[in-house]
Protein backbone atom coordinates (compact mmCIF):
# COMPACT_ATOMS: atom_id res chain seq x y z
CA MET A 1 144.45 90.81 67.14
CA GLY A 2 143.04 86.88 66.31
CA SER A 3 145.18 84.49 65.07
CA LYS A 4 146.83 86.97 62.47
CA SER A 5 149.94 87.67 65.34
CA PRO A 6 151.76 84.77 64.92
CA ALA A 7 152.48 85.28 60.63
CA PHE A 8 153.71 88.73 61.43
CA GLY A 9 156.18 87.48 64.66
CA PRO A 10 160.42 88.05 64.30
CA THR A 11 161.20 84.18 63.60
CA GLN A 12 157.84 84.01 60.79
CA VAL A 13 159.34 87.30 58.87
CA HIS A 14 163.01 86.82 58.83
CA ALA A 15 162.54 83.60 57.25
CA LEU A 16 161.18 85.79 54.26
CA THR A 17 164.60 87.76 54.01
CA GLU A 18 165.48 85.33 50.65
CA ILE A 19 162.40 86.64 48.98
CA PHE A 20 162.89 90.15 49.84
CA VAL A 21 166.86 90.34 48.58
CA GLN A 22 165.99 87.59 45.12
CA LYS A 23 163.06 90.78 43.94
CA SER A 24 165.50 93.34 45.09
CA CYS A 25 168.42 91.92 42.92
CA GLN A 26 165.95 91.51 39.98
CA LEU A 27 165.27 94.71 40.11
CA ARG A 28 169.16 96.50 40.08
CA ASP A 29 169.58 94.41 36.99
CA ILE A 30 166.58 95.62 35.14
CA TRP A 31 167.61 98.86 36.06
CA ASN A 32 171.70 98.30 35.56
CA ALA A 33 170.23 97.13 31.84
CA GLU A 34 168.40 99.99 31.48
CA ILE A 35 171.19 102.39 32.31
CA ALA A 36 173.89 100.27 29.89
CA GLN A 37 170.94 100.42 26.97
CA ALA A 38 171.14 104.53 27.53
CA GLU A 39 174.42 104.55 27.43
CA LEU A 40 173.89 102.99 23.95
CA THR A 41 171.74 105.86 22.24
CA ASN A 42 172.06 109.06 24.70
CA GLY A 43 173.72 108.47 27.62
CA LYS A 44 171.08 109.24 29.93
CA ALA A 45 168.70 106.81 31.81
CA LYS A 46 165.22 108.12 32.63
CA MET A 47 163.34 106.02 35.06
CA ASP A 48 160.14 106.13 36.81
CA VAL A 49 161.48 104.79 40.31
CA LEU A 50 158.13 104.78 41.89
CA LEU A 51 156.39 102.57 39.58
CA TRP A 52 159.43 100.08 39.47
CA LEU A 53 159.36 99.75 43.47
CA ASN A 54 155.69 99.45 43.15
CA LYS A 55 155.96 96.52 40.95
CA ALA A 56 159.01 95.01 43.11
CA THR A 57 157.19 95.34 46.44
CA LEU A 58 153.94 93.59 44.80
CA ASP A 59 155.66 91.18 43.67
CA VAL A 60 157.15 90.62 47.19
CA ILE A 61 154.22 90.56 48.42
CA GLY A 62 152.84 88.25 46.35
CA LEU A 63 155.68 85.39 47.08
CA ALA A 64 155.88 86.70 50.75
CA GLY A 65 151.98 86.91 51.55
CA PHE A 66 150.64 84.05 49.59
CA ASN A 67 153.22 82.28 47.76
CA TYR A 68 151.72 83.70 44.41
CA ALA A 69 153.40 85.30 41.70
CA PHE A 70 152.10 88.40 40.36
CA ASN A 71 155.66 88.44 37.88
CA ALA A 72 155.06 92.51 38.15
CA LEU A 73 158.85 92.51 37.78
CA ASN A 74 158.44 90.44 34.28
CA ALA A 75 159.09 92.90 31.52
CA ASP A 76 157.52 89.97 28.94
CA GLY A 77 153.74 88.36 28.70
CA GLU A 78 150.42 90.03 29.81
CA GLU A 79 149.68 91.43 33.72
CA ASN A 80 147.61 88.46 35.77
CA GLU A 81 143.90 89.29 36.63
CA LEU A 82 144.96 90.14 40.59
CA ASN A 83 148.07 92.33 39.73
CA VAL A 84 145.42 94.36 37.71
CA ALA A 85 143.16 94.00 40.03
CA VAL A 86 145.41 95.60 42.85
CA ARG A 87 146.48 98.08 40.29
CA THR A 88 143.13 99.23 39.94
CA MET A 89 142.44 99.02 43.51
CA VAL A 90 145.50 101.54 44.12
CA GLY A 91 145.18 103.81 41.81
CA GLY A 92 141.52 104.15 42.04
CA GLY A 93 142.27 107.09 44.10
CA ASN A 94 143.68 109.27 42.01
CA ASN A 95 140.77 108.78 39.52
CA ARG A 96 137.93 109.66 41.11
CA GLY A 97 135.95 112.84 39.61
CA PHE A 98 133.86 114.85 41.72
CA PHE A 99 130.79 112.75 42.24
CA ASP A 100 132.96 110.10 43.47
CA ILE A 101 134.01 112.21 46.23
CA ILE A 102 130.41 113.71 46.86
CA ARG A 103 129.59 110.05 47.23
CA VAL A 104 132.06 109.64 50.18
CA PHE A 105 130.68 112.80 52.48
CA VAL A 106 126.78 111.41 51.43
CA PRO A 107 126.12 107.50 51.57
CA TRP A 108 123.12 107.10 50.30
CA LEU A 109 124.23 108.48 46.80
CA GLY A 110 126.33 105.21 46.64
CA PHE A 111 123.40 103.55 44.70
CA ILE A 112 124.39 105.41 41.80
CA GLN A 113 127.48 103.63 39.65
CA THR A 114 129.86 105.79 38.62
CA LYS A 115 133.03 104.14 35.47
CA GLN A 116 135.56 104.42 38.33
CA SER A 117 133.13 102.90 41.61
CA ARG A 118 132.28 100.08 38.93
CA ALA A 119 136.23 99.39 38.36
CA ALA A 120 136.47 99.12 41.47
CA ALA A 121 133.45 96.63 42.52
CA ASP A 122 135.36 94.50 39.56
CA ALA A 123 138.67 94.45 40.99
CA GLN A 124 137.48 93.77 44.55
CA LYS A 125 135.24 90.57 42.79
CA SER A 126 138.44 89.41 41.39
CA MET A 127 140.35 89.33 44.64
CA SER A 128 137.58 87.52 46.19
CA ARG A 129 137.24 85.17 44.10
CA ILE A 130 140.73 84.31 43.78
CA GLY A 131 141.64 84.61 47.61
CA HIS A 132 138.61 82.16 48.00
CA GLN A 133 141.16 79.72 45.78
CA LEU A 134 143.68 80.50 47.90
CA LEU A 135 142.65 79.41 51.14
CA ALA A 136 140.98 76.52 49.85
CA GLU A 137 144.73 75.58 48.66
CA LYS A 138 146.47 77.18 52.00
CA LYS A 139 143.46 74.64 54.23
CA ALA A 140 144.38 71.57 51.86
CA ALA A 141 147.81 72.15 52.78
CA VAL A 142 147.45 72.19 55.89
CA LEU A 143 144.94 69.29 56.05
CA ALA A 144 147.50 67.27 53.57
CA ALA A 145 150.32 67.60 55.87
CA ALA A 146 148.81 66.14 59.34
CA GLU A 147 147.04 63.32 57.18
CA SER A 148 151.10 62.14 55.73
CA LYS A 149 152.32 62.17 59.14
CA LYS A 150 150.42 58.91 60.44
CA ALA A 151 149.98 56.77 56.92
CA GLY A 152 146.15 58.22 56.57
CA GLU A 153 145.25 58.99 59.66
CA MET A 154 143.78 62.40 60.71
CA VAL A 155 146.02 63.63 63.86
CA GLU A 156 145.65 67.16 65.45
CA ILE A 157 146.41 69.72 63.34
CA GLY A 158 149.92 71.86 64.83
CA ARG A 159 151.45 75.36 63.92
CA THR A 160 154.39 73.62 62.68
CA ASP A 161 152.68 71.44 60.38
CA ILE A 162 153.55 72.42 56.99
CA GLU A 163 156.50 73.85 55.51
CA GLY A 164 154.54 77.21 53.63
CA ARG A 165 156.35 80.00 55.09
CA ASP A 166 154.18 82.73 53.08
CA LEU A 167 151.94 84.81 55.91
CA MET A 168 148.53 83.59 54.62
CA SER A 169 150.08 80.27 54.72
CA LEU A 170 150.89 80.79 58.31
CA LEU A 171 147.62 82.86 59.28
CA VAL A 172 145.81 79.87 58.79
CA LYS A 173 148.06 77.25 60.35
CA ALA A 174 148.06 79.17 63.28
CA ASN A 175 143.84 79.30 62.88
CA MET A 176 143.41 75.33 62.23
CA ALA A 177 145.77 74.71 64.65
CA THR A 178 143.58 72.29 67.73
CA ASP A 179 145.58 74.36 70.56
CA LEU A 180 144.30 77.45 69.88
CA ALA A 181 141.22 78.70 71.78
CA GLU A 182 137.68 79.21 69.78
CA ASN A 183 137.80 83.16 70.69
CA MET A 184 141.30 83.68 69.28
CA ARG A 185 140.22 81.36 66.08
CA MET A 186 139.44 83.41 62.78
CA ASP A 187 135.99 82.69 60.01
CA ASP A 188 137.25 82.33 56.67
CA ASN A 189 135.64 85.77 55.80
CA ASP A 190 138.05 87.13 58.51
CA VAL A 191 140.92 85.55 56.83
CA LEU A 192 140.01 86.44 53.13
CA ALA A 193 139.55 90.05 54.70
CA GLN A 194 143.25 90.38 55.07
CA VAL A 195 143.90 89.50 51.37
CA PRO A 196 143.15 93.05 50.19
CA THR A 197 144.91 93.99 53.38
CA PHE A 198 147.90 92.72 52.87
CA LEU A 199 148.18 93.50 48.94
CA ILE A 200 147.79 97.22 49.61
CA ALA A 201 148.96 97.81 52.85
CA GLY A 202 151.87 95.46 52.46
CA HIS A 203 153.40 96.65 48.77
CA GLU A 204 152.38 100.89 48.51
CA THR A 205 154.01 102.42 51.68
CA THR A 206 157.14 100.39 50.94
CA SER A 207 157.93 101.48 48.15
CA THR A 208 157.15 104.97 48.95
CA ALA A 209 159.39 104.76 51.76
CA VAL A 210 162.10 102.98 49.45
CA THR A 211 161.60 106.55 47.16
CA TRP A 212 161.63 108.88 49.75
CA ALA A 213 164.74 106.75 50.89
CA LEU A 214 166.72 106.93 47.38
CA LEU A 215 165.89 111.13 47.04
CA ALA A 216 167.71 111.44 50.17
CA LEU A 217 170.47 109.59 49.27
CA ALA A 218 170.74 111.34 46.61
CA ASN A 219 170.40 114.97 48.46
CA HIS A 220 172.69 114.00 50.78
CA PRO A 221 176.05 112.62 49.04
CA ILE A 222 178.39 112.18 52.15
CA VAL A 223 175.15 109.73 53.46
CA GLN A 224 175.29 107.58 50.20
CA THR A 225 178.56 107.49 50.45
CA LYS A 226 178.99 106.05 53.94
CA LEU A 227 176.22 103.45 53.48
CA ARG A 228 177.57 102.02 50.25
CA LYS A 229 180.71 101.43 51.53
CA GLU A 230 179.02 99.98 54.51
CA LEU A 231 176.72 97.85 51.94
CA LEU A 232 180.09 96.74 50.06
CA SER A 233 181.79 95.41 52.94
CA VAL A 234 179.38 92.32 52.71
CA ASP A 235 180.65 89.79 51.19
CA THR A 236 177.45 88.30 49.73
CA ASP A 237 174.93 89.67 47.21
CA ALA A 238 172.19 87.85 49.53
CA PRO A 239 172.72 88.51 52.78
CA ASP A 240 170.76 86.73 55.78
CA MET A 241 168.64 88.22 58.55
CA GLU A 242 171.75 88.57 60.87
CA GLY A 243 174.26 89.77 58.33
CA LEU A 244 171.65 92.55 57.88
CA SER A 245 171.45 93.44 61.29
CA ALA A 246 174.63 93.96 61.81
CA LEU A 247 174.55 96.89 59.17
CA SER A 248 174.43 99.94 62.33
CA TYR A 249 174.22 102.65 60.15
CA LEU A 250 171.67 100.85 57.42
CA ASP A 251 169.35 100.63 60.27
CA ALA A 252 170.24 104.68 61.29
CA VAL A 253 168.99 105.39 57.95
CA VAL A 254 166.36 102.87 57.88
CA ARG A 255 164.84 104.87 60.87
CA GLU A 256 165.52 108.04 59.55
CA VAL A 257 163.40 107.64 56.72
CA MET A 258 160.22 105.99 58.08
CA ARG A 259 160.81 109.19 61.01
CA HIS A 260 161.35 111.98 58.38
CA PHE A 261 159.08 110.70 55.33
CA SER A 262 157.29 108.73 57.20
CA PRO A 263 155.09 106.94 54.30
CA VAL A 264 151.58 107.37 56.18
CA PRO A 265 151.79 111.24 56.88
CA ASN A 266 148.17 110.82 59.30
CA THR A 267 145.94 108.48 59.91
CA ILE A 268 142.25 108.43 61.80
CA ARG A 269 140.90 106.95 64.99
CA ILE A 270 137.45 106.53 65.79
CA ALA A 271 136.80 106.63 69.77
CA ASN A 272 134.59 103.35 70.95
CA THR A 273 133.12 105.14 74.16
CA ASP A 274 132.94 109.03 76.05
CA ASP A 275 136.87 109.25 77.31
CA ILE A 276 138.83 112.38 78.93
CA ILE A 277 142.54 112.80 77.66
CA PRO A 278 144.59 114.20 80.09
CA MET A 279 147.08 116.39 78.41
CA ASP A 280 150.93 116.99 79.39
CA VAL A 281 150.83 121.01 78.43
CA GLU A 282 147.79 124.05 79.06
CA TRP A 283 145.87 124.57 76.07
CA THR A 284 143.73 127.49 75.24
CA ASP A 285 139.87 126.95 73.64
CA ARG A 286 138.49 129.55 70.73
CA LYS A 287 136.70 131.21 73.65
CA GLY A 288 140.01 132.05 75.72
CA VAL A 289 139.60 129.00 78.60
CA LYS A 290 142.22 127.08 79.23
CA HIS A 291 142.63 123.32 79.74
CA ARG A 292 144.72 120.56 80.73
CA ASP A 293 142.49 117.78 79.27
CA ILE A 294 140.63 116.97 76.00
CA GLN A 295 137.47 115.38 76.57
CA VAL A 296 136.51 112.73 73.42
CA SER A 297 132.86 111.63 72.86
CA LYS A 298 132.17 108.16 71.34
CA GLY A 299 132.04 108.24 67.48
CA ASP A 300 134.25 111.40 67.44
CA SER A 301 137.40 111.17 64.95
CA VAL A 302 140.66 111.44 66.84
CA PHE A 303 143.13 112.76 63.85
CA ILE A 304 146.58 111.54 64.46
CA PRO A 305 149.06 113.94 62.98
CA ILE A 306 151.61 111.22 62.90
CA LEU A 307 154.56 113.35 60.28
CA ALA A 308 154.10 115.95 62.40
CA VAL A 309 154.58 114.31 65.59
CA ASN A 310 157.95 112.50 64.05
CA ARG A 311 159.42 115.73 62.89
CA SER A 312 158.23 117.91 66.21
CA LYS A 313 160.85 120.05 67.23
CA ASP A 314 159.70 120.10 70.83
CA LEU A 315 160.47 116.08 70.74
CA TRP A 316 163.41 115.56 68.32
CA GLY A 317 165.00 119.29 68.55
CA GLU A 318 165.81 122.25 66.42
CA ASP A 319 167.55 120.13 63.39
CA ALA A 320 164.03 118.28 63.08
CA ARG A 321 162.91 118.84 59.91
CA GLU A 322 166.59 117.82 58.67
CA PHE A 323 167.45 114.42 57.19
CA ASN A 324 170.32 113.06 59.24
CA PRO A 325 170.88 109.52 60.49
CA GLU A 326 173.65 110.67 62.08
CA TRP A 327 171.64 111.32 65.32
CA TRP A 328 170.52 107.58 65.62
CA GLN A 329 174.06 107.12 67.28
CA ASN A 330 172.41 109.40 70.51
CA PRO A 331 169.12 110.08 70.08
CA PRO A 332 167.55 112.73 72.43
CA ASP A 333 165.37 111.41 75.44
CA THR A 334 162.40 113.06 75.03
CA ILE A 335 161.53 110.59 72.25
CA HIS A 336 160.77 108.45 75.00
CA ALA A 337 157.38 109.81 74.87
CA ILE A 338 156.08 108.63 71.76
CA PRO A 339 154.14 105.77 71.94
CA GLY A 340 155.41 104.42 68.81
CA ILE A 341 155.86 100.43 68.04
CA TRP A 342 158.91 100.86 66.76
CA GLY A 343 162.25 103.45 66.53
CA ASN A 344 160.70 105.86 68.90
CA SER A 345 158.23 107.27 66.36
CA LEU A 346 154.71 106.84 65.03
CA ALA A 347 155.50 105.66 61.61
CA PHE A 348 154.17 102.49 62.28
CA SER A 349 151.24 103.82 64.67
CA GLY A 350 151.14 102.44 68.32
CA GLY A 351 148.69 100.86 70.74
CA SER A 352 145.99 97.98 69.84
CA ARG A 353 145.97 98.86 66.39
CA ALA A 354 149.88 99.50 65.71
CA CYS A 355 150.98 98.19 62.04
CA ILE A 356 151.07 94.74 62.38
CA GLY A 357 152.96 93.87 59.50
CA TYR A 358 155.85 96.66 61.18
CA HIS A 359 158.46 93.90 60.71
CA PHE A 360 157.92 92.79 57.50
CA SER A 361 158.30 96.15 56.48
CA VAL A 362 161.54 97.49 58.44
CA ILE A 363 162.88 94.69 56.84
CA GLU A 364 161.68 94.82 53.13
């Protein structure tokens, strides 16, 4: 995991709450304006909620991740280059033709370029160039802060030397710290590799989760009313992390959304070594032979059914496939067996490859 962990610690992420709230309020104001305008015409407002949430979360990851203003929520002006690149990378999977899909399974066909692959390559070049620029700026800021401590003299760089709160600044600061062991240090290419990860994984999954949350609240008016009452008890439009943490029903709703509508429904892991995995229950193979373990060979792909586990009746009870935040008041003991990193679910996976940004996602 290298030196990425310091950037995603609870304290560091809590400091970004202001950005989350600011962009949430901006999106609220945009939606209210859309509704008010519709009431002046036909009385109905129709909005693409996922599209707007994608814009809001992209703005958030831009500011919180790099101190970079995408301005995706701003209606005026042209999209900036990085915004276009991210949209190309995220939307590219939906525009693949038959040949693009074949190229995934027949790698040697990769030399044949398609319209989609050329667009993706151009987007990657834009991300790389802008990423190099951002990295250079962050490193210069760290060095400038260290130099300013002693009238022109270089001093040792610590992990609290600059004020930059964005994730990339924290990552660069931790990576350049003189007290960091060499085997934990990342080179520039490793740091730059985090840019597309932050941008794509850091905004689309959150916007998807919030979209499902709004649908669930629309379909469950009792839950919506109870949550709204709790939120209205907060005496400010800009609560800090302490204020948000005190909202117990909001916490239950977030946990239930992440369980019931896991934004990443499944994932795949590749075995690094041969292994034998013990099973809790006996299973029967296609030849009728019963087993209590599964043999895995190095290189095997292991499918992780995240959503299936999060809705398993064996783990969650007979109402596992119902959306019900209430049961987080007294969750079943069986869910403690789930090796997830948060919320007794696999929403953010588990183990050494769990989602490193889960604090960021949950708070957002």
